[in-house]
Amino acid sequence: MKPEQIEALSFQIIEKEAGPHAFSDPQWAVVRRIIHTTADFEYLSTVRFHPDAIAAGIRAIRGGRSIVCDTRMSQAGMKKKDLSRFGVPVECFIEDPRVGQAAAEEGITRAAAAVDAALELMEGGIYVVGNAPTALLRLVERFREKKARPALVVGFPVGFVNAAESKAALLQTGIPYITNTGRKGGSNVAAAVINALLIMA
């Protein structure tokens, strides 16, 4: 089978096994791609969308606004051809020496310090968290201080310490978000969300 045939058949299987759901068509395009990426149908009950999330994400992409990632892994999973079509730069500051220095001086994680380094760049763009809960918690903190103004936050940190809590905090901010509840997530999930938005854009 050709790759496009495999994908089409996979989506048919997902549609059949998922059954009825309450997602709008654009929301389902995102959730279906998450399930396609993870083979995990639990996302049917855990993914959450801000009402303006998809429209905000598509506007940012069509406007060529920056996407900032917490790790290189999320960045690696995004469709490069579609990103370049819209002129969307994808940045990650986790390896920036200045971020490492700031993290050491403040006694915080590099992921949290990387949020501060990206504040200006993320304005009107998309901030993607697929790994580090501390990045999402820092972003929420900076938003409440009116220092962070992304158009959309894709928040899928994974793990046992503060992953669920950071996503719960995001839900309370009012920032347009696509996220989920609980411990699950990951860079592959975050990248899948961006890829779904790119296709819709």
N, C-alpha and C. Protein backbone atom coordinates (compact mmCIF):
# COMPACT_ATOMS: atom_id res chain seq x y z
N MET A 1 0.84 -1.20 0.00
CA MET A 1 0.00 0.00 0.00
C MET A 1 0.88 1.25 0.00
N LYS A 2 0.42 2.29 -0.67
CA LYS A 2 1.11 3.56 -0.68
C LYS A 2 0.80 4.31 0.62
N PRO A 3 1.68 5.25 1.00
CA PRO A 3 1.47 5.96 2.27
C PRO A 3 0.09 6.61 2.38
N GLU A 4 -0.37 7.23 1.29
CA GLU A 4 -1.67 7.89 1.36
C GLU A 4 -2.81 6.89 1.52
N GLN A 5 -2.63 5.69 0.98
CA GLN A 5 -3.64 4.64 1.15
C GLN A 5 -3.67 4.14 2.60
N ILE A 6 -2.50 4.02 3.19
CA ILE A 6 -2.42 3.59 4.59
C ILE A 6 -3.09 4.62 5.50
N GLU A 7 -2.82 5.90 5.24
CA GLU A 7 -3.43 6.95 6.05
C GLU A 7 -4.94 6.96 5.90
N ALA A 8 -5.42 6.83 4.66
CA ALA A 8 -6.87 6.83 4.42
C ALA A 8 -7.54 5.66 5.12
N LEU A 9 -6.94 4.49 5.05
CA LEU A 9 -7.50 3.32 5.71
C LEU A 9 -7.47 3.49 7.23
N SER A 10 -6.38 4.06 7.74
CA SER A 10 -6.29 4.32 9.18
C SER A 10 -7.42 5.24 9.64
N PHE A 11 -7.68 6.29 8.88
CA PHE A 11 -8.75 7.21 9.25
C PHE A 11 -10.12 6.52 9.20
N GLN A 12 -10.31 5.64 8.24
CA GLN A 12 -11.57 4.89 8.18
C GLN A 12 -11.75 4.03 9.43
N ILE A 13 -10.68 3.39 9.85
CA ILE A 13 -10.74 2.55 11.06
C ILE A 13 -11.04 3.42 12.29
N ILE A 14 -10.39 4.57 12.36
CA ILE A 14 -10.61 5.48 13.49
C ILE A 14 -12.07 5.94 13.52
N GLU A 15 -12.59 6.34 12.37
CA GLU A 15 -13.98 6.80 12.29
C GLU A 15 -14.93 5.71 12.80
N LYS A 16 -14.69 4.48 12.36
CA LYS A 16 -15.56 3.37 12.74
C LYS A 16 -15.48 3.08 14.23
N GLU A 17 -14.25 3.02 14.76
CA GLU A 17 -14.08 2.65 16.16
C GLU A 17 -14.44 3.79 17.11
N ALA A 18 -14.28 5.03 16.67
CA ALA A 18 -14.61 6.17 17.54
C ALA A 18 -16.11 6.29 17.75
N GLY A 19 -16.89 6.04 16.70
CA GLY A 19 -18.33 6.16 16.82
C GLY A 19 -18.78 7.61 16.97
N PRO A 20 -19.99 7.83 17.47
CA PRO A 20 -20.51 9.20 17.61
C PRO A 20 -19.69 10.01 18.62
N HIS A 21 -19.57 11.31 18.35
CA HIS A 21 -18.84 12.20 19.26
C HIS A 21 -19.42 13.60 19.14
N ALA A 22 -19.01 14.48 20.02
CA ALA A 22 -19.57 15.83 20.06
C ALA A 22 -18.65 16.88 19.45
N PHE A 23 -17.56 16.47 18.83
CA PHE A 23 -16.63 17.44 18.26
C PHE A 23 -17.18 18.04 16.98
N SER A 24 -16.89 19.33 16.76
CA SER A 24 -17.18 19.93 15.46
C SER A 24 -16.25 19.32 14.42
N ASP A 25 -16.52 19.57 13.15
CA ASP A 25 -15.66 19.00 12.09
C ASP A 25 -14.20 19.44 12.24
N PRO A 26 -13.92 20.74 12.47
CA PRO A 26 -12.52 21.13 12.64
C PRO A 26 -11.88 20.51 13.89
N GLN A 27 -12.63 20.44 14.97
CA GLN A 27 -12.10 19.82 16.18
C GLN A 27 -11.82 18.34 15.95
N TRP A 28 -12.72 17.67 15.25
CA TRP A 28 -12.53 16.25 14.98
C TRP A 28 -11.30 16.02 14.10
N ALA A 29 -11.02 16.94 13.19
CA ALA A 29 -9.82 16.80 12.37
C ALA A 29 -8.56 16.78 13.24
N VAL A 30 -8.58 17.54 14.32
CA VAL A 30 -7.45 17.55 15.24
C VAL A 30 -7.41 16.26 16.07
N VAL A 31 -8.54 15.91 16.67
CA VAL A 31 -8.59 14.73 17.54
C VAL A 31 -8.29 13.46 16.75
N ARG A 32 -8.83 13.38 15.57
CA ARG A 32 -8.59 12.19 14.73
C ARG A 32 -7.10 12.04 14.41
N ARG A 33 -6.43 13.15 14.16
CA ARG A 33 -4.99 13.06 13.87
C ARG A 33 -4.21 12.69 15.13
N ILE A 34 -4.66 13.15 16.29
CA ILE A 34 -4.01 12.73 17.54
C ILE A 34 -4.15 11.22 17.71
N ILE A 35 -5.35 10.71 17.49
CA ILE A 35 -5.57 9.26 17.62
C ILE A 35 -4.76 8.50 16.58
N HIS A 36 -4.69 9.04 15.37
CA HIS A 36 -3.89 8.41 14.33
C HIS A 36 -2.42 8.33 14.73
N THR A 37 -1.94 9.36 15.43
CA THR A 37 -0.54 9.42 15.85
C THR A 37 -0.25 8.48 17.01
N THR A 38 -1.23 8.31 17.90
CA THR A 38 -0.99 7.60 19.16
C THR A 38 -1.67 6.23 19.26
N ALA A 39 -2.66 5.97 18.39
CA ALA A 39 -3.50 4.77 18.50
C ALA A 39 -4.18 4.69 19.87
N ASP A 40 -4.48 5.85 20.43
CA ASP A 40 -5.05 5.93 21.78
C ASP A 40 -6.40 6.63 21.71
N PHE A 41 -7.47 5.88 21.88
CA PHE A 41 -8.82 6.44 21.78
C PHE A 41 -9.25 7.17 23.06
N GLU A 42 -8.42 7.12 24.09
CA GLU A 42 -8.76 7.86 25.31
C GLU A 42 -8.81 9.37 25.04
N TYR A 43 -8.10 9.82 24.02
CA TYR A 43 -8.13 11.25 23.69
C TYR A 43 -9.53 11.72 23.29
N LEU A 44 -10.40 10.81 22.92
CA LEU A 44 -11.78 11.18 22.62
C LEU A 44 -12.45 11.87 23.80
N SER A 45 -12.08 11.49 25.00
CA SER A 45 -12.73 12.04 26.18
C SER A 45 -11.87 13.06 26.94
N THR A 46 -10.63 13.25 26.52
CA THR A 46 -9.75 14.13 27.29
C THR A 46 -9.33 15.41 26.58
N VAL A 47 -9.44 15.49 25.25
CA VAL A 47 -9.01 16.69 24.54
C VAL A 47 -9.98 17.84 24.82
N ARG A 48 -9.42 19.02 25.02
CA ARG A 48 -10.21 20.21 25.30
C ARG A 48 -9.84 21.32 24.32
N PHE A 49 -10.85 22.05 23.85
CA PHE A 49 -10.65 23.16 22.91
C PHE A 49 -11.25 24.44 23.47
N HIS A 50 -10.49 25.50 23.47
CA HIS A 50 -11.06 26.84 23.65
C HIS A 50 -11.92 27.13 22.42
N PRO A 51 -13.05 27.83 22.58
CA PRO A 51 -13.92 28.08 21.42
C PRO A 51 -13.23 28.76 20.25
N ASP A 52 -12.23 29.59 20.51
CA ASP A 52 -11.54 30.33 19.44
C ASP A 52 -10.25 29.66 18.97
N ALA A 53 -9.94 28.49 19.51
CA ALA A 53 -8.61 27.91 19.32
C ALA A 53 -8.27 27.64 17.86
N ILE A 54 -9.13 26.94 17.17
CA ILE A 54 -8.79 26.53 15.81
C ILE A 54 -8.72 27.73 14.88
N ALA A 55 -9.67 28.64 15.00
CA ALA A 55 -9.64 29.85 14.16
C ALA A 55 -8.38 30.66 14.45
N ALA A 56 -8.01 30.77 15.73
CA ALA A 56 -6.81 31.53 16.10
C ALA A 56 -5.55 30.87 15.54
N GLY A 57 -5.50 29.55 15.61
CA GLY A 57 -4.34 28.84 15.08
C GLY A 57 -4.21 28.98 13.58
N ILE A 58 -5.32 28.88 12.88
CA ILE A 58 -5.29 29.01 11.42
C ILE A 58 -4.89 30.43 11.01
N ARG A 59 -5.41 31.44 11.71
CA ARG A 59 -5.02 32.82 11.41
C ARG A 59 -3.52 33.03 11.61
N ALA A 60 -3.00 32.48 12.71
CA ALA A 60 -1.57 32.65 12.98
C ALA A 60 -0.73 31.99 11.88
N ILE A 61 -1.13 30.80 11.46
CA ILE A 61 -0.40 30.09 10.41
C ILE A 61 -0.48 30.84 9.09
N ARG A 62 -1.67 31.24 8.71
CA ARG A 62 -1.83 31.97 7.44
C ARG A 62 -1.10 33.30 7.46
N GLY A 63 -0.94 33.87 8.66
CA GLY A 63 -0.23 35.14 8.78
C GLY A 63 1.27 34.97 8.90
N GLY A 64 1.76 33.72 8.85
CA GLY A 64 3.19 33.48 8.93
C GLY A 64 3.79 33.78 10.28
N ARG A 65 2.97 33.71 11.34
CA ARG A 65 3.47 34.00 12.67
C ARG A 65 4.29 32.83 13.21
N SER A 66 5.12 33.12 14.16
CA SER A 66 6.05 32.12 14.67
C SER A 66 5.35 31.02 15.47
N ILE A 67 5.90 29.82 15.38
CA ILE A 67 5.57 28.74 16.29
C ILE A 67 6.81 28.52 17.16
N VAL A 68 6.61 28.52 18.48
CA VAL A 68 7.70 28.30 19.42
C VAL A 68 7.43 27.00 20.16
N CYS A 69 8.43 26.13 20.21
CA CYS A 69 8.29 24.80 20.82
C CYS A 69 9.12 24.70 22.09
N ASP A 70 8.62 23.89 23.03
CA ASP A 70 9.40 23.68 24.26
C ASP A 70 10.59 22.76 24.02
N THR A 71 10.49 21.86 23.06
CA THR A 71 11.60 20.93 22.77
C THR A 71 11.77 20.75 21.27
N ARG A 72 12.93 20.24 20.89
CA ARG A 72 13.20 19.95 19.48
C ARG A 72 12.32 18.81 18.96
N MET A 73 11.86 17.95 19.86
CA MET A 73 11.08 16.79 19.41
C MET A 73 9.76 17.23 18.77
N SER A 74 9.08 18.19 19.37
CA SER A 74 7.85 18.70 18.75
C SER A 74 8.16 19.34 17.41
N GLN A 75 9.20 20.12 17.38
CA GLN A 75 9.60 20.80 16.15
C GLN A 75 9.87 19.80 15.03
N ALA A 76 10.52 18.69 15.37
CA ALA A 76 10.89 17.69 14.36
C ALA A 76 9.68 17.01 13.74
N GLY A 77 8.58 16.94 14.47
CA GLY A 77 7.42 16.23 13.97
C GLY A 77 6.47 17.04 13.11
N MET A 78 6.77 18.32 12.92
CA MET A 78 5.88 19.19 12.15
C MET A 78 6.20 19.12 10.66
N LYS A 79 5.17 19.26 9.84
CA LYS A 79 5.31 19.14 8.39
C LYS A 79 6.06 20.35 7.82
N LYS A 80 7.32 20.13 7.48
CA LYS A 80 8.19 21.21 7.03
C LYS A 80 7.68 21.87 5.74
N LYS A 81 7.19 21.06 4.82
CA LYS A 81 6.73 21.60 3.54
C LYS A 81 5.57 22.57 3.74
N ASP A 82 4.62 22.20 4.60
CA ASP A 82 3.47 23.07 4.84
C ASP A 82 3.86 24.31 5.63
N LEU A 83 4.79 24.16 6.56
CA LEU A 83 5.27 25.32 7.31
C LEU A 83 5.92 26.34 6.37
N SER A 84 6.76 25.85 5.47
CA SER A 84 7.45 26.76 4.55
C SER A 84 6.49 27.38 3.55
N ARG A 85 5.44 26.67 3.21
CA ARG A 85 4.43 27.22 2.29
C ARG A 85 3.82 28.50 2.85
N PHE A 86 3.61 28.53 4.17
CA PHE A 86 3.01 29.71 4.80
C PHE A 86 4.07 30.65 5.38
N GLY A 87 5.34 30.29 5.23
CA GLY A 87 6.40 31.13 5.77
C GLY A 87 6.41 31.18 7.28
N VAL A 88 6.04 30.06 7.90
CA VAL A 88 5.96 30.01 9.36
C VAL A 88 7.30 29.55 9.93
N PRO A 89 7.99 30.40 10.69
CA PRO A 89 9.22 29.95 11.35
C PRO A 89 8.90 29.16 12.61
N VAL A 90 9.67 28.13 12.87
CA VAL A 90 9.51 27.32 14.08
C VAL A 90 10.78 27.44 14.89
N GLU A 91 10.63 27.90 16.13
CA GLU A 91 11.79 28.17 16.97
C GLU A 91 11.74 27.32 18.24
N CYS A 92 12.91 27.04 18.78
CA CYS A 92 13.04 26.35 20.06
C CYS A 92 14.29 26.91 20.75
N PHE A 93 14.12 27.37 21.97
CA PHE A 93 15.21 28.04 22.68
C PHE A 93 15.86 27.17 23.75
N ILE A 94 15.47 25.92 23.83
CA ILE A 94 15.92 25.07 24.92
C ILE A 94 17.44 24.91 24.95
N GLU A 95 18.10 24.98 23.79
CA GLU A 95 19.55 24.79 23.74
C GLU A 95 20.33 26.10 23.70
N ASP A 96 19.63 27.22 23.79
CA ASP A 96 20.30 28.52 23.75
C ASP A 96 21.14 28.69 25.02
N PRO A 97 22.43 29.01 24.89
CA PRO A 97 23.29 29.16 26.07
C PRO A 97 22.76 30.19 27.07
N ARG A 98 22.11 31.24 26.55
CA ARG A 98 21.56 32.26 27.45
C ARG A 98 20.43 31.70 28.30
N VAL A 99 19.68 30.76 27.74
CA VAL A 99 18.61 30.10 28.48
C VAL A 99 19.20 29.24 29.60
N GLY A 100 20.27 28.52 29.28
CA GLY A 100 20.92 27.71 30.30
C GLY A 100 21.46 28.57 31.43
N GLN A 101 22.02 29.71 31.09
CA GLN A 101 22.57 30.61 32.10
C GLN A 101 21.46 31.18 32.98
N ALA A 102 20.36 31.60 32.34
CA ALA A 102 19.23 32.15 33.10
C ALA A 102 18.63 31.10 34.03
N ALA A 103 18.53 29.87 33.54
CA ALA A 103 17.97 28.79 34.36
C ALA A 103 18.83 28.55 35.59
N ALA A 104 20.15 28.54 35.40
CA ALA A 104 21.07 28.32 36.52
C ALA A 104 21.00 29.46 37.52
N GLU A 105 20.92 30.69 37.02
CA GLU A 105 20.89 31.86 37.91
C GLU A 105 19.60 31.92 38.72
N GLU A 106 18.48 31.54 38.09
CA GLU A 106 17.18 31.64 38.77
C GLU A 106 16.78 30.37 39.49
N GLY A 107 17.51 29.28 39.25
CA GLY A 107 17.16 28.02 39.88
C GLY A 107 15.87 27.43 39.34
N ILE A 108 15.68 27.57 38.01
CA ILE A 108 14.49 27.03 37.35
C ILE A 108 14.93 26.10 36.23
N THR A 109 13.98 25.42 35.61
CA THR A 109 14.33 24.52 34.51
C THR A 109 14.65 25.32 33.25
N ARG A 110 15.41 24.68 32.36
CA ARG A 110 15.70 25.32 31.07
C ARG A 110 14.40 25.57 30.30
N ALA A 111 13.44 24.65 30.43
CA ALA A 111 12.17 24.80 29.71
C ALA A 111 11.44 26.06 30.16
N ALA A 112 11.46 26.33 31.46
CA ALA A 112 10.82 27.54 31.98
C ALA A 112 11.56 28.78 31.50
N ALA A 113 12.89 28.75 31.57
CA ALA A 113 13.68 29.90 31.12
C ALA A 113 13.50 30.15 29.63
N ALA A 114 13.29 29.08 28.86
CA ALA A 114 13.08 29.23 27.42
C ALA A 114 11.80 29.98 27.10
N VAL A 115 10.80 29.86 27.96
CA VAL A 115 9.56 30.62 27.77
C VAL A 115 9.87 32.11 27.83
N ASP A 116 10.64 32.52 28.83
CA ASP A 116 11.00 33.93 28.96
C ASP A 116 11.76 34.43 27.73
N ALA A 117 12.62 33.59 27.19
CA ALA A 117 13.40 33.99 26.02
C ALA A 117 12.52 34.17 24.79
N ALA A 118 11.36 33.55 24.78
CA ALA A 118 10.50 33.55 23.60
C ALA A 118 9.32 34.51 23.69
N LEU A 119 9.23 35.29 24.76
CA LEU A 119 8.03 36.10 24.99
C LEU A 119 7.71 37.02 23.82
N GLU A 120 8.69 37.73 23.32
CA GLU A 120 8.45 38.66 22.22
C GLU A 120 8.08 37.92 20.94
N LEU A 121 8.77 36.83 20.67
CA LEU A 121 8.55 36.08 19.44
C LEU A 121 7.18 35.42 19.40
N MET A 122 6.68 34.98 20.56
CA MET A 122 5.41 34.24 20.57
C MET A 122 4.19 35.14 20.44
N GLU A 123 4.36 36.45 20.53
CA GLU A 123 3.21 37.34 20.46
C GLU A 123 2.49 37.18 19.12
N GLY A 124 1.22 36.83 19.19
CA GLY A 124 0.44 36.60 17.98
C GLY A 124 0.71 35.28 17.31
N GLY A 125 1.60 34.48 17.89
CA GLY A 125 1.95 33.19 17.30
C GLY A 125 1.40 32.03 18.12
N ILE A 126 2.05 30.90 17.99
CA ILE A 126 1.60 29.67 18.66
C ILE A 126 2.72 29.15 19.55
N TYR A 127 2.40 28.88 20.80
CA TYR A 127 3.37 28.25 21.69
C TYR A 127 2.98 26.80 21.89
N VAL A 128 3.94 25.91 21.68
CA VAL A 128 3.68 24.47 21.68
C VAL A 128 4.45 23.81 22.82
N VAL A 129 3.73 23.13 23.70
CA VAL A 129 4.35 22.38 24.79
C VAL A 129 3.98 20.91 24.61
N GLY A 130 4.99 20.10 24.32
CA GLY A 130 4.74 18.68 24.14
C GLY A 130 5.50 17.82 25.12
N ASN A 131 6.22 18.47 26.03
CA ASN A 131 7.06 17.69 26.93
C ASN A 131 7.07 18.23 28.35
N ALA A 132 7.39 19.51 28.51
CA ALA A 132 7.77 20.05 29.82
C ALA A 132 6.64 20.79 30.52
N PRO A 133 6.10 20.22 31.60
CA PRO A 133 5.08 20.94 32.38
C PRO A 133 5.58 22.28 32.90
N THR A 134 6.88 22.37 33.23
CA THR A 134 7.38 23.64 33.76
C THR A 134 7.30 24.75 32.71
N ALA A 135 7.40 24.41 31.44
CA ALA A 135 7.24 25.41 30.38
C ALA A 135 5.80 25.93 30.37
N LEU A 136 4.84 25.03 30.48
CA LEU A 136 3.45 25.46 30.44
C LEU A 136 3.09 26.27 31.69
N LEU A 137 3.59 25.86 32.85
CA LEU A 137 3.34 26.63 34.08
C LEU A 137 3.95 28.02 33.98
N ARG A 138 5.15 28.13 33.40
CA ARG A 138 5.79 29.44 33.25
C ARG A 138 5.00 30.30 32.27
N LEU A 139 4.50 29.71 31.21
CA LEU A 139 3.71 30.44 30.24
C LEU A 139 2.43 30.98 30.87
N VAL A 140 1.76 30.16 31.66
CA VAL A 140 0.56 30.61 32.37
C VAL A 140 0.89 31.77 33.30
N GLU A 141 2.00 31.64 34.02
CA GLU A 141 2.44 32.71 34.92
C GLU A 141 2.68 34.01 34.16
N ARG A 142 3.39 33.92 33.05
CA ARG A 142 3.69 35.12 32.27
C ARG A 142 2.43 35.71 31.62
N PHE A 143 1.49 34.87 31.25
CA PHE A 143 0.24 35.37 30.70
C PHE A 143 -0.52 36.17 31.76
N ARG A 144 -0.57 35.65 32.96
CA ARG A 144 -1.27 36.34 34.04
C ARG A 144 -0.61 37.67 34.37
N GLU A 145 0.70 37.75 34.13
CA GLU A 145 1.42 39.00 34.34
C GLU A 145 1.33 39.92 33.12
N LYS A 146 0.57 39.48 32.11
CA LYS A 146 0.41 40.23 30.85
C LYS A 146 1.73 40.40 30.09
N LYS A 147 2.61 39.43 30.24
CA LYS A 147 3.88 39.44 29.53
C LYS A 147 3.91 38.48 28.35
N ALA A 148 2.95 37.56 28.29
CA ALA A 148 2.88 36.59 27.20
C ALA A 148 1.52 36.73 26.52
N ARG A 149 1.55 36.88 25.18
CA ARG A 149 0.31 37.06 24.43
C ARG A 149 0.29 36.20 23.17
N PRO A 150 0.38 34.89 23.32
CA PRO A 150 0.28 34.04 22.13
C PRO A 150 -1.15 34.01 21.60
N ALA A 151 -1.29 33.76 20.31
CA ALA A 151 -2.62 33.60 19.73
C ALA A 151 -3.23 32.27 20.14
N LEU A 152 -2.38 31.26 20.33
CA LEU A 152 -2.83 29.91 20.66
C LEU A 152 -1.74 29.19 21.45
N VAL A 153 -2.17 28.41 22.43
CA VAL A 153 -1.25 27.51 23.13
C VAL A 153 -1.69 26.08 22.87
N VAL A 154 -0.78 25.28 22.35
CA VAL A 154 -0.99 23.84 22.19
C VAL A 154 -0.27 23.19 23.36
N GLY A 155 -1.02 22.72 24.35
CA GLY A 155 -0.43 22.27 25.60
C GLY A 155 -0.65 20.80 25.88
N PHE A 156 0.36 19.98 25.61
CA PHE A 156 0.28 18.54 25.84
C PHE A 156 1.51 18.01 26.58
N PRO A 157 1.91 18.66 27.68
CA PRO A 157 3.02 18.08 28.44
C PRO A 157 2.63 16.71 28.99
N VAL A 158 3.63 15.87 29.13
CA VAL A 158 3.39 14.48 29.53
C VAL A 158 4.19 14.17 30.79
N GLY A 159 3.64 13.33 31.65
CA GLY A 159 4.42 12.91 32.81
C GLY A 159 3.61 12.82 34.08
N PHE A 160 4.34 12.60 35.17
CA PHE A 160 3.71 12.35 36.47
C PHE A 160 3.79 13.53 37.42
N VAL A 161 4.65 14.50 37.12
CA VAL A 161 4.81 15.65 38.00
C VAL A 161 4.37 16.91 37.27
N ASN A 162 3.24 17.44 37.66
CA ASN A 162 2.71 18.71 37.17
C ASN A 162 2.21 18.70 35.72
N ALA A 163 2.17 17.56 35.07
CA ALA A 163 1.63 17.52 33.71
C ALA A 163 0.13 17.83 33.73
N ALA A 164 -0.62 17.08 34.51
CA ALA A 164 -2.06 17.32 34.61
C ALA A 164 -2.35 18.69 35.21
N GLU A 165 -1.57 19.07 36.22
CA GLU A 165 -1.80 20.34 36.90
C GLU A 165 -1.54 21.54 35.99
N SER A 166 -0.50 21.46 35.17
CA SER A 166 -0.20 22.57 34.27
C SER A 166 -1.29 22.75 33.23
N LYS A 167 -1.84 21.64 32.75
CA LYS A 167 -2.93 21.72 31.77
C LYS A 167 -4.19 22.26 32.42
N ALA A 168 -4.45 21.88 33.66
CA ALA A 168 -5.60 22.43 34.38
C ALA A 168 -5.45 23.94 34.55
N ALA A 169 -4.23 24.41 34.82
CA ALA A 169 -3.98 25.84 34.95
C ALA A 169 -4.22 26.56 33.63
N LEU A 170 -3.80 25.95 32.52
CA LEU A 170 -4.03 26.55 31.20
C LEU A 170 -5.51 26.75 30.94
N LEU A 171 -6.32 25.79 31.33
CA LEU A 171 -7.77 25.87 31.09
C LEU A 171 -8.40 27.06 31.79
N GLN A 172 -7.76 27.57 32.82
CA GLN A 172 -8.32 28.68 33.60
C GLN A 172 -7.88 30.05 33.12
N THR A 173 -7.03 30.12 32.10
CA THR A 173 -6.43 31.40 31.73
C THR A 173 -7.26 32.25 30.78
N GLY A 174 -8.00 31.60 29.90
CA GLY A 174 -8.68 32.35 28.84
C GLY A 174 -7.87 32.46 27.57
N ILE A 175 -6.59 32.02 27.57
CA ILE A 175 -5.82 31.96 26.33
C ILE A 175 -6.47 30.92 25.42
N PRO A 176 -6.63 31.19 24.13
CA PRO A 176 -7.06 30.11 23.24
C PRO A 176 -6.11 28.92 23.35
N TYR A 177 -6.65 27.74 23.59
CA TYR A 177 -5.84 26.55 23.84
C TYR A 177 -6.41 25.33 23.13
N ILE A 178 -5.52 24.41 22.84
CA ILE A 178 -5.87 23.02 22.53
C ILE A 178 -5.03 22.19 23.48
N THR A 179 -5.68 21.42 24.33
CA THR A 179 -4.97 20.67 25.36
C THR A 179 -5.76 19.43 25.71
N ASN A 180 -5.34 18.75 26.76
CA ASN A 180 -6.09 17.59 27.25
C ASN A 180 -5.98 17.53 28.76
N THR A 181 -6.77 16.71 29.35
CA THR A 181 -6.69 16.51 30.78
C THR A 181 -5.86 15.26 31.07
N GLY A 182 -5.29 15.22 32.27
CA GLY A 182 -4.55 14.03 32.68
C GLY A 182 -3.07 14.08 32.35
N ARG A 183 -2.43 12.92 32.52
CA ARG A 183 -0.97 12.81 32.40
C ARG A 183 -0.47 12.62 30.97
N LYS A 184 -1.34 12.12 30.10
CA LYS A 184 -0.89 11.78 28.75
C LYS A 184 -0.61 13.02 27.92
N GLY A 185 0.20 12.82 26.89
CA GLY A 185 0.57 13.90 25.97
C GLY A 185 1.84 13.50 25.26
N GLY A 186 2.67 14.47 24.97
CA GLY A 186 3.94 14.17 24.33
C GLY A 186 4.18 15.04 23.12
N SER A 187 5.44 15.07 22.71
CA SER A 187 5.84 15.89 21.57
C SER A 187 5.16 15.45 20.28
N ASN A 188 4.96 14.13 20.13
CA ASN A 188 4.29 13.64 18.92
C ASN A 188 2.84 14.12 18.86
N VAL A 189 2.19 14.20 20.01
CA VAL A 189 0.80 14.67 20.06
C VAL A 189 0.75 16.16 19.72
N ALA A 190 1.63 16.94 20.31
CA ALA A 190 1.67 18.37 20.04
C ALA A 190 1.93 18.65 18.57
N ALA A 191 2.86 17.91 17.98
CA ALA A 191 3.15 18.08 16.56
C ALA A 191 1.95 17.67 15.70
N ALA A 192 1.24 16.64 16.11
CA ALA A 192 0.05 16.21 15.36
C ALA A 192 -1.01 17.31 15.33
N VAL A 193 -1.15 18.03 16.43
CA VAL A 193 -2.12 19.14 16.46
C VAL A 193 -1.73 20.21 15.46
N ILE A 194 -0.46 20.58 15.45
CA ILE A 194 0.01 21.59 14.50
C ILE A 194 -0.18 21.11 13.06
N ASN A 195 0.10 19.85 12.80
CA ASN A 195 -0.06 19.33 11.45
C ASN A 195 -1.52 19.36 11.01
N ALA A 196 -2.43 19.08 11.94
CA ALA A 196 -3.86 19.16 11.61
C ALA A 196 -4.24 20.61 11.28
N LEU A 197 -3.73 21.56 12.04
CA LEU A 197 -4.01 22.97 11.76
C LEU A 197 -3.42 23.40 10.43
N LEU A 198 -2.23 22.91 10.11
CA LEU A 198 -1.60 23.24 8.83
C LEU A 198 -2.45 22.75 7.66
N ILE A 199 -2.99 21.53 7.79
CA ILE A 199 -3.84 20.99 6.73
C ILE A 199 -5.09 21.84 6.57
N MET A 200 -5.70 22.23 7.66
CA MET A 200 -6.90 23.09 7.58
C MET A 200 -6.58 24.46 7.02
N ALA A 201 -5.41 24.99 7.39
CA ALA A 201 -4.99 26.30 6.87
C ALA A 201 -4.78 26.25 5.36
